[in-house]
Amino acid sequence: MEKRHLIMIARLNANISFEKLAKLCNMSTSNLYNIETGKAKKPKLDTLFTLSIPLNLDFKELATASGYNFTEFTYTLTIARLNAGLSIKALATNCNMDFYHLCHILNAKRKPGLAIVYVLAKHLNLDFRNLAHLTGYDFSDLAYQCLTARLDRNLTLDEFASLLGISKSVLVRIEYSQVKKPTLKTLIALSAFSTLTFEDLKQLCGYKS
């Protein structure tokens, strides 16, 4: 079903006048007219979300009917952004990200690095590990401890590697689950920043007590 039919039928079923819906959604009647008649070929997601609320429409269905395609990752980000009342520009500003880079991520044209996933999760109150999984990252418990210890403190790879006494390349391999069993010296250093103790980290990496 085309978007204009979804909106028009829902509006009529809810017994909401054209003018009242425009007022409820804080949009002009001409804008609403263009959407209902199909003259607006692809309304903004923010507009569709605003319309879906008083009409009790499924936002994802409405957006899909309007030509938007989501991955599970991009939909999770989009609905969290809209529920938070943030425009894409505002989210980019909050996350200190380039607007166009964020647009590419939201349109599934770029896969973000783990640091960006972390920042997005933080600002949208999403679970970082789950969001990373939706992005295509599956990391170990050790990698999670290392990542969160660094990113919670807003440290760069170079800065955190220096604090741990390891090379940047080794740190990257740990964060991407390519190192399963770092040296005990590294684990001792990491325990000072992690939520886990040295003994917990040892056990996590398979060292015998």
N, C-alpha and C. Protein backbone atom coordinates (compact mmCIF):
# COMPACT_ATOMS: atom_id res chain seq x y z
N MET A 1 0.84 -1.21 0.00
CA MET A 1 0.00 0.00 0.00
C MET A 1 0.88 1.25 0.00
N GLU A 2 0.54 2.22 -0.85
CA GLU A 2 1.33 3.44 -0.93
C GLU A 2 1.14 4.28 0.33
N LYS A 3 2.16 5.09 0.61
CA LYS A 3 2.15 5.86 1.86
C LYS A 3 0.95 6.78 1.97
N ARG A 4 0.53 7.39 0.82
CA ARG A 4 -0.58 8.33 0.89
C ARG A 4 -1.88 7.63 1.30
N HIS A 5 -2.00 6.35 0.88
CA HIS A 5 -3.19 5.60 1.26
C HIS A 5 -3.14 5.23 2.73
N LEU A 6 -1.97 4.86 3.22
CA LEU A 6 -1.83 4.54 4.64
C LEU A 6 -2.22 5.73 5.51
N ILE A 7 -1.70 6.88 5.15
CA ILE A 7 -1.95 8.09 5.93
C ILE A 7 -3.40 8.54 5.81
N MET A 8 -3.91 8.56 4.59
CA MET A 8 -5.29 9.02 4.38
C MET A 8 -6.30 8.11 5.07
N ILE A 9 -6.14 6.79 4.91
CA ILE A 9 -7.08 5.85 5.52
C ILE A 9 -7.02 5.94 7.05
N ALA A 10 -5.79 6.03 7.58
CA ALA A 10 -5.63 6.13 9.03
C ALA A 10 -6.26 7.43 9.55
N ARG A 11 -6.09 8.50 8.80
CA ARG A 11 -6.66 9.80 9.22
C ARG A 11 -8.18 9.75 9.23
N LEU A 12 -8.76 9.15 8.18
CA LEU A 12 -10.21 9.06 8.09
C LEU A 12 -10.78 8.11 9.15
N ASN A 13 -10.08 7.02 9.37
CA ASN A 13 -10.53 6.07 10.39
C ASN A 13 -10.48 6.68 11.79
N ALA A 14 -9.51 7.56 12.00
CA ALA A 14 -9.38 8.21 13.31
C ALA A 14 -10.28 9.44 13.42
N ASN A 15 -10.98 9.74 12.33
CA ASN A 15 -11.89 10.89 12.29
C ASN A 15 -11.15 12.19 12.63
N ILE A 16 -9.97 12.32 12.04
CA ILE A 16 -9.17 13.53 12.23
C ILE A 16 -9.21 14.35 10.94
N SER A 17 -9.58 15.58 11.04
CA SER A 17 -9.63 16.42 9.84
C SER A 17 -8.22 16.70 9.32
N PHE A 18 -8.20 17.08 8.06
CA PHE A 18 -6.95 17.42 7.41
C PHE A 18 -6.22 18.52 8.18
N GLU A 19 -6.98 19.56 8.52
CA GLU A 19 -6.39 20.71 9.21
C GLU A 19 -5.92 20.34 10.62
N LYS A 20 -6.69 19.49 11.31
CA LYS A 20 -6.32 19.10 12.67
C LYS A 20 -5.04 18.29 12.67
N LEU A 21 -4.90 17.36 11.70
CA LEU A 21 -3.69 16.54 11.64
C LEU A 21 -2.47 17.41 11.36
N ALA A 22 -2.63 18.36 10.47
CA ALA A 22 -1.51 19.26 10.16
C ALA A 22 -1.09 20.03 11.41
N LYS A 23 -2.08 20.47 12.18
CA LYS A 23 -1.79 21.21 13.41
C LYS A 23 -1.13 20.31 14.45
N LEU A 24 -1.65 19.09 14.61
CA LEU A 24 -1.08 18.14 15.57
C LEU A 24 0.38 17.82 15.26
N CYS A 25 0.69 17.78 13.98
CA CYS A 25 2.04 17.43 13.55
C CYS A 25 2.92 18.64 13.29
N ASN A 26 2.38 19.82 13.58
CA ASN A 26 3.14 21.06 13.42
C ASN A 26 3.70 21.20 12.00
N MET A 27 2.83 20.94 11.03
CA MET A 27 3.25 21.10 9.64
C MET A 27 2.18 21.89 8.89
N SER A 28 2.55 22.41 7.76
CA SER A 28 1.59 23.17 6.96
C SER A 28 0.61 22.22 6.28
N THR A 29 -0.58 22.74 5.98
CA THR A 29 -1.56 21.90 5.29
C THR A 29 -1.08 21.55 3.87
N SER A 30 -0.31 22.46 3.28
CA SER A 30 0.21 22.18 1.94
C SER A 30 1.20 21.02 1.96
N ASN A 31 2.02 20.96 3.02
CA ASN A 31 2.98 19.87 3.16
C ASN A 31 2.23 18.55 3.35
N LEU A 32 1.22 18.56 4.21
CA LEU A 32 0.44 17.34 4.44
C LEU A 32 -0.30 16.93 3.17
N TYR A 33 -0.82 17.90 2.45
CA TYR A 33 -1.51 17.61 1.18
C TYR A 33 -0.58 16.93 0.19
N ASN A 34 0.65 17.45 0.09
CA ASN A 34 1.62 16.86 -0.83
C ASN A 34 1.98 15.43 -0.45
N ILE A 35 2.00 15.15 0.84
CA ILE A 35 2.31 13.80 1.31
C ILE A 35 1.15 12.85 1.01
N GLU A 36 -0.06 13.29 1.34
CA GLU A 36 -1.24 12.43 1.13
C GLU A 36 -1.50 12.15 -0.34
N THR A 37 -1.23 13.12 -1.19
CA THR A 37 -1.50 12.95 -2.63
C THR A 37 -0.33 12.33 -3.38
N GLY A 38 0.78 12.16 -2.69
CA GLY A 38 1.94 11.54 -3.33
C GLY A 38 2.82 12.50 -4.08
N LYS A 39 2.54 13.80 -3.97
CA LYS A 39 3.40 14.78 -4.63
C LYS A 39 4.76 14.86 -3.94
N ALA A 40 4.75 14.64 -2.65
CA ALA A 40 6.02 14.54 -1.92
C ALA A 40 6.46 13.08 -2.04
N LYS A 41 7.40 12.81 -2.93
CA LYS A 41 7.75 11.44 -3.27
C LYS A 41 8.35 10.66 -2.10
N LYS A 42 9.19 11.34 -1.33
CA LYS A 42 9.85 10.65 -0.21
C LYS A 42 10.01 11.61 0.95
N PRO A 43 8.96 11.75 1.78
CA PRO A 43 9.04 12.66 2.93
C PRO A 43 10.17 12.27 3.86
N LYS A 44 10.64 13.22 4.64
CA LYS A 44 11.69 12.94 5.61
C LYS A 44 11.19 11.95 6.65
N LEU A 45 12.12 11.15 7.16
CA LEU A 45 11.77 10.17 8.19
C LEU A 45 11.17 10.85 9.41
N ASP A 46 11.72 12.02 9.76
CA ASP A 46 11.21 12.75 10.91
C ASP A 46 9.73 13.12 10.72
N THR A 47 9.37 13.49 9.49
CA THR A 47 7.98 13.83 9.18
C THR A 47 7.08 12.62 9.29
N LEU A 48 7.54 11.50 8.74
CA LEU A 48 6.75 10.27 8.79
C LEU A 48 6.56 9.80 10.24
N PHE A 49 7.60 9.95 11.03
CA PHE A 49 7.51 9.55 12.44
C PHE A 49 6.48 10.42 13.17
N THR A 50 6.52 11.72 12.90
CA THR A 50 5.57 12.65 13.51
C THR A 50 4.13 12.30 13.12
N LEU A 51 3.93 11.94 11.86
CA LEU A 51 2.60 11.57 11.39
C LEU A 51 2.12 10.24 11.98
N SER A 52 3.04 9.33 12.18
CA SER A 52 2.66 7.99 12.65
C SER A 52 2.06 8.00 14.05
N ILE A 53 2.43 8.98 14.86
CA ILE A 53 2.00 8.99 16.27
C ILE A 53 0.50 9.27 16.43
N PRO A 54 -0.02 10.40 15.94
CA PRO A 54 -1.47 10.63 16.12
C PRO A 54 -2.33 9.67 15.29
N LEU A 55 -1.76 9.12 14.22
CA LEU A 55 -2.52 8.20 13.37
C LEU A 55 -2.39 6.74 13.81
N ASN A 56 -1.57 6.53 14.84
CA ASN A 56 -1.36 5.18 15.37
C ASN A 56 -0.91 4.20 14.28
N LEU A 57 0.00 4.67 13.44
CA LEU A 57 0.54 3.85 12.35
C LEU A 57 1.88 3.26 12.76
N ASP A 58 2.19 2.12 12.19
CA ASP A 58 3.50 1.52 12.40
C ASP A 58 4.53 2.32 11.61
N PHE A 59 5.47 2.94 12.32
CA PHE A 59 6.43 3.82 11.65
C PHE A 59 7.26 3.08 10.61
N LYS A 60 7.72 1.89 10.95
CA LYS A 60 8.57 1.14 10.01
C LYS A 60 7.81 0.81 8.74
N GLU A 61 6.56 0.42 8.87
CA GLU A 61 5.73 0.11 7.70
C GLU A 61 5.54 1.35 6.85
N LEU A 62 5.28 2.47 7.50
CA LEU A 62 5.07 3.73 6.79
C LEU A 62 6.35 4.17 6.06
N ALA A 63 7.47 4.04 6.75
CA ALA A 63 8.76 4.43 6.15
C ALA A 63 9.11 3.52 4.97
N THR A 64 8.85 2.23 5.13
CA THR A 64 9.13 1.28 4.05
C THR A 64 8.25 1.57 2.83
N ALA A 65 6.99 1.88 3.10
CA ALA A 65 6.07 2.22 2.00
C ALA A 65 6.50 3.50 1.30
N SER A 66 7.26 4.33 1.99
CA SER A 66 7.74 5.59 1.42
C SER A 66 9.08 5.45 0.71
N GLY A 67 9.59 4.22 0.66
CA GLY A 67 10.81 3.98 -0.09
C GLY A 67 12.08 3.86 0.72
N TYR A 68 11.95 3.84 2.05
CA TYR A 68 13.12 3.68 2.91
C TYR A 68 13.39 2.21 3.16
N ASN A 69 14.66 1.86 3.17
CA ASN A 69 15.07 0.49 3.48
C ASN A 69 15.99 0.52 4.70
N PHE A 70 15.73 -0.36 5.65
CA PHE A 70 16.51 -0.41 6.87
C PHE A 70 17.21 -1.75 7.03
N THR A 71 18.39 -1.70 7.62
CA THR A 71 18.96 -2.90 8.22
C THR A 71 18.52 -2.87 9.68
N GLU A 72 18.74 -3.95 10.40
CA GLU A 72 18.36 -3.94 11.81
C GLU A 72 19.15 -2.87 12.56
N PHE A 73 20.41 -2.69 12.15
CA PHE A 73 21.26 -1.68 12.78
C PHE A 73 20.75 -0.27 12.51
N THR A 74 20.48 0.05 11.23
CA THR A 74 20.06 1.41 10.90
C THR A 74 18.67 1.72 11.47
N TYR A 75 17.80 0.71 11.54
CA TYR A 75 16.48 0.96 12.13
C TYR A 75 16.60 1.23 13.63
N THR A 76 17.45 0.47 14.29
CA THR A 76 17.66 0.67 15.73
C THR A 76 18.16 2.08 16.01
N LEU A 77 19.11 2.54 15.22
CA LEU A 77 19.61 3.91 15.37
C LEU A 77 18.54 4.95 15.06
N THR A 78 17.82 4.72 13.97
CA THR A 78 16.82 5.69 13.53
C THR A 78 15.70 5.86 14.54
N ILE A 79 15.13 4.75 15.02
CA ILE A 79 14.02 4.85 15.96
C ILE A 79 14.47 5.43 17.30
N ALA A 80 15.72 5.12 17.70
CA ALA A 80 16.25 5.70 18.94
C ALA A 80 16.45 7.20 18.78
N ARG A 81 16.94 7.62 17.62
CA ARG A 81 17.13 9.06 17.34
C ARG A 81 15.81 9.79 17.36
N LEU A 82 14.81 9.22 16.70
CA LEU A 82 13.50 9.87 16.61
C LEU A 82 12.81 9.91 17.97
N ASN A 83 12.91 8.84 18.73
CA ASN A 83 12.31 8.83 20.07
C ASN A 83 12.97 9.84 20.99
N ALA A 84 14.26 10.11 20.73
CA ALA A 84 14.99 11.10 21.53
C ALA A 84 14.71 12.52 21.07
N GLY A 85 13.98 12.65 19.95
CA GLY A 85 13.65 13.99 19.43
C GLY A 85 14.84 14.69 18.82
N LEU A 86 15.77 13.92 18.27
CA LEU A 86 16.99 14.50 17.69
C LEU A 86 16.95 14.45 16.18
N SER A 87 17.31 15.54 15.55
CA SER A 87 17.52 15.52 14.11
C SER A 87 18.87 14.85 13.85
N ILE A 88 19.11 14.49 12.61
CA ILE A 88 20.41 13.88 12.28
C ILE A 88 21.53 14.89 12.56
N LYS A 89 21.28 16.14 12.23
CA LYS A 89 22.29 17.19 12.48
C LYS A 89 22.58 17.32 13.97
N ALA A 90 21.53 17.28 14.81
CA ALA A 90 21.72 17.41 16.26
C ALA A 90 22.48 16.21 16.80
N LEU A 91 22.16 15.01 16.30
CA LEU A 91 22.88 13.82 16.75
C LEU A 91 24.34 13.88 16.35
N ALA A 92 24.61 14.33 15.14
CA ALA A 92 25.99 14.47 14.68
C ALA A 92 26.75 15.46 15.56
N THR A 93 26.11 16.56 15.91
CA THR A 93 26.74 17.56 16.77
C THR A 93 27.01 16.98 18.15
N ASN A 94 26.02 16.29 18.73
CA ASN A 94 26.19 15.70 20.05
C ASN A 94 27.32 14.68 20.10
N CYS A 95 27.47 13.95 19.00
CA CYS A 95 28.49 12.90 18.94
C CYS A 95 29.82 13.40 18.38
N ASN A 96 29.87 14.70 18.07
CA ASN A 96 31.08 15.30 17.49
C ASN A 96 31.48 14.56 16.20
N MET A 97 30.49 14.31 15.36
CA MET A 97 30.70 13.58 14.11
C MET A 97 30.41 14.48 12.92
N ASP A 98 31.01 14.15 11.80
CA ASP A 98 30.69 14.83 10.55
C ASP A 98 29.27 14.45 10.13
N PHE A 99 28.47 15.42 9.79
CA PHE A 99 27.07 15.20 9.44
C PHE A 99 26.93 14.20 8.29
N TYR A 100 27.73 14.38 7.24
CA TYR A 100 27.61 13.52 6.07
C TYR A 100 28.08 12.10 6.36
N HIS A 101 29.06 11.97 7.22
CA HIS A 101 29.52 10.64 7.62
C HIS A 101 28.41 9.91 8.36
N LEU A 102 27.71 10.63 9.25
CA LEU A 102 26.60 10.02 9.98
C LEU A 102 25.48 9.64 9.02
N CYS A 103 25.21 10.49 8.04
CA CYS A 103 24.17 10.17 7.04
C CYS A 103 24.51 8.87 6.31
N HIS A 104 25.76 8.70 5.94
CA HIS A 104 26.19 7.48 5.25
C HIS A 104 26.00 6.26 6.15
N ILE A 105 26.26 6.42 7.43
CA ILE A 105 26.08 5.30 8.38
C ILE A 105 24.59 4.97 8.49
N LEU A 106 23.75 5.99 8.65
CA LEU A 106 22.32 5.77 8.80
C LEU A 106 21.68 5.22 7.52
N ASN A 107 22.32 5.45 6.38
CA ASN A 107 21.82 4.92 5.10
C ASN A 107 22.49 3.60 4.72
N ALA A 108 23.25 3.04 5.69
CA ALA A 108 23.93 1.74 5.49
C ALA A 108 24.93 1.77 4.34
N LYS A 109 25.51 2.95 4.09
CA LYS A 109 26.52 3.05 3.04
C LYS A 109 27.93 2.96 3.61
N ARG A 110 28.05 3.07 4.94
CA ARG A 110 29.34 2.93 5.60
C ARG A 110 29.17 2.13 6.88
N LYS A 111 30.17 1.31 7.15
CA LYS A 111 30.17 0.57 8.41
C LYS A 111 31.02 1.35 9.41
N PRO A 112 30.43 1.78 10.52
CA PRO A 112 31.20 2.57 11.48
C PRO A 112 32.19 1.73 12.26
N GLY A 113 33.27 2.37 12.70
CA GLY A 113 34.22 1.71 13.59
C GLY A 113 33.60 1.54 14.97
N LEU A 114 34.21 0.71 15.78
CA LEU A 114 33.66 0.43 17.11
C LEU A 114 33.59 1.68 17.98
N ALA A 115 34.54 2.59 17.84
CA ALA A 115 34.52 3.82 18.65
C ALA A 115 33.29 4.65 18.32
N ILE A 116 32.91 4.72 17.05
CA ILE A 116 31.72 5.47 16.65
C ILE A 116 30.46 4.77 17.14
N VAL A 117 30.44 3.44 17.05
CA VAL A 117 29.29 2.68 17.56
C VAL A 117 29.10 2.97 19.05
N TYR A 118 30.21 3.04 19.77
CA TYR A 118 30.16 3.31 21.21
C TYR A 118 29.56 4.69 21.49
N VAL A 119 30.02 5.68 20.74
CA VAL A 119 29.53 7.06 20.94
C VAL A 119 28.04 7.15 20.61
N LEU A 120 27.63 6.51 19.52
CA LEU A 120 26.22 6.53 19.15
C LEU A 120 25.36 5.84 20.21
N ALA A 121 25.84 4.71 20.70
CA ALA A 121 25.10 3.98 21.75
C ALA A 121 24.95 4.84 23.00
N LYS A 122 26.02 5.52 23.35
CA LYS A 122 26.01 6.35 24.55
C LYS A 122 25.00 7.49 24.44
N HIS A 123 24.98 8.16 23.29
CA HIS A 123 24.11 9.33 23.14
C HIS A 123 22.66 8.95 22.86
N LEU A 124 22.43 7.70 22.45
CA LEU A 124 21.06 7.27 22.17
C LEU A 124 20.54 6.29 23.23
N ASN A 125 21.31 6.14 24.31
CA ASN A 125 20.93 5.25 25.41
C ASN A 125 20.66 3.82 24.93
N LEU A 126 21.55 3.34 24.07
CA LEU A 126 21.45 1.98 23.56
C LEU A 126 22.56 1.11 24.16
N ASP A 127 22.35 -0.18 24.17
CA ASP A 127 23.37 -1.10 24.67
C ASP A 127 24.49 -1.21 23.64
N PHE A 128 25.71 -0.84 24.05
CA PHE A 128 26.84 -0.80 23.13
C PHE A 128 27.13 -2.16 22.51
N ARG A 129 27.16 -3.17 23.33
CA ARG A 129 27.52 -4.50 22.82
C ARG A 129 26.48 -5.01 21.82
N ASN A 130 25.21 -4.80 22.12
CA ASN A 130 24.15 -5.22 21.22
C ASN A 130 24.20 -4.43 19.91
N LEU A 131 24.44 -3.12 20.02
CA LEU A 131 24.52 -2.28 18.82
C LEU A 131 25.71 -2.69 17.96
N ALA A 132 26.82 -3.00 18.60
CA ALA A 132 28.00 -3.46 17.86
C ALA A 132 27.70 -4.77 17.13
N HIS A 133 26.96 -5.66 17.79
CA HIS A 133 26.58 -6.93 17.17
C HIS A 133 25.72 -6.68 15.93
N LEU A 134 24.79 -5.74 16.02
CA LEU A 134 23.95 -5.41 14.87
C LEU A 134 24.76 -4.82 13.73
N THR A 135 25.86 -4.17 14.07
CA THR A 135 26.74 -3.59 13.05
C THR A 135 27.57 -4.65 12.35
N GLY A 136 27.66 -5.82 12.97
CA GLY A 136 28.45 -6.91 12.39
C GLY A 136 29.68 -7.25 13.18
N TYR A 137 29.85 -6.62 14.37
CA TYR A 137 30.99 -6.91 15.21
C TYR A 137 30.58 -7.91 16.29
N ASP A 138 31.38 -8.93 16.45
CA ASP A 138 31.20 -9.88 17.55
C ASP A 138 32.53 -9.93 18.29
N PHE A 139 32.59 -9.32 19.45
CA PHE A 139 33.87 -9.30 20.15
C PHE A 139 33.81 -10.05 21.47
N SER A 140 34.99 -10.46 21.90
CA SER A 140 35.11 -11.26 23.11
C SER A 140 34.89 -10.41 24.36
N ASP A 141 34.77 -11.10 25.49
CA ASP A 141 34.61 -10.39 26.77
C ASP A 141 35.84 -9.54 27.07
N LEU A 142 37.00 -10.05 26.70
CA LEU A 142 38.24 -9.29 26.91
C LEU A 142 38.23 -8.02 26.05
N ALA A 143 37.86 -8.16 24.79
CA ALA A 143 37.80 -7.01 23.89
C ALA A 143 36.82 -5.97 24.43
N TYR A 144 35.70 -6.44 24.95
CA TYR A 144 34.70 -5.52 25.51
C TYR A 144 35.27 -4.75 26.70
N GLN A 145 35.98 -5.45 27.58
CA GLN A 145 36.59 -4.79 28.74
C GLN A 145 37.61 -3.74 28.30
N CYS A 146 38.38 -4.09 27.30
CA CYS A 146 39.42 -3.17 26.81
C CYS A 146 38.80 -1.95 26.14
N LEU A 147 37.82 -2.19 25.29
CA LEU A 147 37.16 -1.11 24.57
C LEU A 147 36.48 -0.12 25.52
N THR A 148 35.67 -0.66 26.42
CA THR A 148 34.94 0.23 27.32
C THR A 148 35.86 0.97 28.28
N ALA A 149 36.95 0.30 28.70
CA ALA A 149 37.91 0.97 29.57
C ALA A 149 38.53 2.18 28.86
N ARG A 150 38.82 2.03 27.58
CA ARG A 150 39.42 3.13 26.81
C ARG A 150 38.39 4.20 26.48
N LEU A 151 37.26 3.78 25.96
CA LEU A 151 36.28 4.74 25.48
C LEU A 151 35.57 5.47 26.61
N ASP A 152 35.40 4.82 27.76
CA ASP A 152 34.81 5.50 28.91
C ASP A 152 35.65 6.71 29.34
N ARG A 153 36.94 6.61 29.06
CA ARG A 153 37.86 7.69 29.46
C ARG A 153 38.22 8.60 28.28
N ASN A 154 37.57 8.34 27.14
CA ASN A 154 37.79 9.18 25.96
C ASN A 154 39.26 9.21 25.55
N LEU A 155 39.89 8.05 25.62
CA LEU A 155 41.31 7.94 25.26
C LEU A 155 41.47 7.45 23.83
N THR A 156 42.48 7.94 23.15
CA THR A 156 42.79 7.46 21.81
C THR A 156 43.50 6.11 21.93
N LEU A 157 43.63 5.43 20.81
CA LEU A 157 44.37 4.17 20.79
C LEU A 157 45.81 4.38 21.25
N ASP A 158 46.43 5.45 20.76
CA ASP A 158 47.82 5.73 21.13
C ASP A 158 47.95 5.98 22.63
N GLU A 159 47.02 6.76 23.18
CA GLU A 159 47.09 7.09 24.61
C GLU A 159 46.90 5.86 25.48
N PHE A 160 45.92 5.03 25.13
CA PHE A 160 45.64 3.86 25.96
C PHE A 160 46.74 2.81 25.81
N ALA A 161 47.26 2.67 24.61
CA ALA A 161 48.36 1.72 24.39
C ALA A 161 49.56 2.10 25.23
N SER A 162 49.83 3.42 25.30
CA SER A 162 50.94 3.90 26.11
C SER A 162 50.72 3.59 27.59
N LEU A 163 49.50 3.77 28.07
CA LEU A 163 49.18 3.48 29.47
C LEU A 163 49.32 2.00 29.79
N LEU A 164 48.99 1.15 28.82
CA LEU A 164 49.08 -0.29 29.03
C LEU A 164 50.48 -0.84 28.78
N GLY A 165 51.33 -0.01 28.18
CA GLY A 165 52.69 -0.44 27.89
C GLY A 165 52.78 -1.41 26.74
N ILE A 166 51.86 -1.26 25.76
CA ILE A 166 51.88 -2.12 24.58
C ILE A 166 51.83 -1.25 23.33
N SER A 167 52.04 -1.86 22.17
CA SER A 167 51.99 -1.10 20.93
C SER A 167 50.54 -0.87 20.52
N LYS A 168 50.34 0.15 19.72
CA LYS A 168 49.00 0.47 19.21
C LYS A 168 48.45 -0.71 18.41
N SER A 169 49.30 -1.37 17.62
CA SER A 169 48.84 -2.48 16.79
C SER A 169 48.34 -3.64 17.64
N VAL A 170 49.00 -3.89 18.77
CA VAL A 170 48.57 -4.96 19.66
C VAL A 170 47.23 -4.60 20.30
N LEU A 171 47.08 -3.33 20.69
CA LEU A 171 45.83 -2.88 21.29
C LEU A 171 44.67 -3.04 20.31
N VAL A 172 44.90 -2.67 19.06
CA VAL A 172 43.86 -2.83 18.04
C VAL A 172 43.47 -4.30 17.91
N ARG A 173 44.44 -5.17 17.93
CA ARG A 173 44.16 -6.61 17.80
C ARG A 173 43.38 -7.13 19.00
N ILE A 174 43.66 -6.59 20.18
CA ILE A 174 42.89 -6.99 21.37
C ILE A 174 41.45 -6.52 21.24
N GLU A 175 41.27 -5.27 20.84
CA GLU A 175 39.93 -4.70 20.74
C GLU A 175 39.08 -5.37 19.66
N TYR A 176 39.72 -5.94 18.67
CA TYR A 176 38.99 -6.64 17.62
C TYR A 176 39.05 -8.16 17.78
N SER A 177 39.30 -8.59 19.03
CA SER A 177 39.24 -10.00 19.42
C SER A 177 40.23 -10.89 18.67
N GLN A 178 41.33 -10.30 18.21
CA GLN A 178 42.34 -11.09 17.50
C GLN A 178 43.44 -11.59 18.43
N VAL A 179 43.44 -11.09 19.67
CA VAL A 179 44.37 -11.57 20.70
C VAL A 179 43.52 -12.16 21.82
N LYS A 180 43.66 -13.46 22.02
CA LYS A 180 42.84 -14.14 23.02
C LYS A 180 43.49 -14.16 24.40
N LYS A 181 44.83 -14.12 24.40
CA LYS A 181 45.54 -14.30 25.67
C LYS A 181 46.71 -13.33 25.76
N PRO A 182 46.45 -12.08 26.12
CA PRO A 182 47.55 -11.10 26.28
C PRO A 182 48.47 -11.52 27.41
N THR A 183 49.60 -10.87 27.48
CA THR A 183 50.55 -11.18 28.56
C THR A 183 49.96 -10.79 29.90
N LEU A 184 50.46 -11.42 30.96
CA LEU A 184 49.99 -11.08 32.30
C LEU A 184 50.29 -9.62 32.64
N LYS A 185 51.42 -9.13 32.12
CA LYS A 185 51.77 -7.73 32.35
C LYS A 185 50.69 -6.81 31.78
N THR A 186 50.20 -7.15 30.60
CA THR A 186 49.15 -6.35 29.97
C THR A 186 47.86 -6.41 30.78
N LEU A 187 47.53 -7.59 31.28
CA LEU A 187 46.31 -7.76 32.08
C LEU A 187 46.39 -7.00 33.40
N ILE A 188 47.57 -6.96 33.98
CA ILE A 188 47.75 -6.20 35.23
C ILE A 188 47.48 -4.72 34.96
N ALA A 189 48.03 -4.23 33.85
CA ALA A 189 47.83 -2.82 33.48
C ALA A 189 46.37 -2.54 33.17
N LEU A 190 45.73 -3.47 32.46
CA LEU A 190 44.33 -3.29 32.08
C LEU A 190 43.42 -3.31 33.30
N SER A 191 43.75 -4.09 34.31
CA SER A 191 42.90 -4.20 35.50
C SER A 191 42.75 -2.86 36.24
N ALA A 192 43.71 -1.97 36.04
CA ALA A 192 43.62 -0.65 36.67
C ALA A 192 42.54 0.22 36.04
N PHE A 193 42.09 -0.15 34.83
CA PHE A 193 41.09 0.63 34.11
C PHE A 193 39.78 -0.14 33.92
N SER A 194 39.84 -1.45 34.07
CA SER A 194 38.68 -2.30 33.82
C SER A 194 37.77 -2.39 35.04
N THR A 195 36.54 -2.83 34.80
CA THR A 195 35.62 -3.10 35.91
C THR A 195 35.92 -4.47 36.53
N LEU A 196 36.82 -5.23 35.89
CA LEU A 196 37.20 -6.54 36.40
C LEU A 196 38.56 -6.49 37.08
N THR A 197 38.77 -7.38 38.02
CA THR A 197 40.07 -7.47 38.70
C THR A 197 41.06 -8.22 37.82
N PHE A 198 42.31 -8.18 38.23
CA PHE A 198 43.36 -8.91 37.51
C PHE A 198 43.03 -10.40 37.48
N GLU A 199 42.58 -10.94 38.61
CA GLU A 199 42.24 -12.37 38.67
C GLU A 199 41.08 -12.69 37.73
N ASP A 200 40.11 -11.79 37.68
CA ASP A 200 38.97 -11.99 36.76
C ASP A 200 39.43 -11.99 35.31
N LEU A 201 40.32 -11.06 34.98
CA LEU A 201 40.85 -10.98 33.62
C LEU A 201 41.67 -12.20 33.26
N LYS A 202 42.44 -12.68 34.22
CA LYS A 202 43.22 -13.91 33.99
C LYS A 202 42.29 -15.07 33.64
N GLN A 203 41.26 -15.22 34.43
CA GLN A 203 40.29 -16.30 34.21
C GLN A 203 39.60 -16.13 32.86
N LEU A 204 39.29 -14.91 32.52
CA LEU A 204 38.63 -14.61 31.26
C LEU A 204 39.50 -15.05 30.07
N CYS A 205 40.81 -14.93 30.23
CA CYS A 205 41.74 -15.24 29.14
C CYS A 205 42.24 -16.68 29.18
N GLY A 206 41.78 -17.44 30.16
CA GLY A 206 42.15 -18.87 30.20
C GLY A 206 43.40 -19.19 30.97
N TYR A 207 43.91 -18.21 31.74
CA TYR A 207 45.07 -18.50 32.59
C TYR A 207 44.62 -19.28 33.82
N LYS A 208 45.44 -20.22 34.24
CA LYS A 208 45.14 -21.00 35.43
C LYS A 208 45.49 -20.17 36.67
N SER A 209 44.71 -20.33 37.69
CA SER A 209 44.94 -19.58 38.94
C SER A 209 46.24 -20.03 39.59
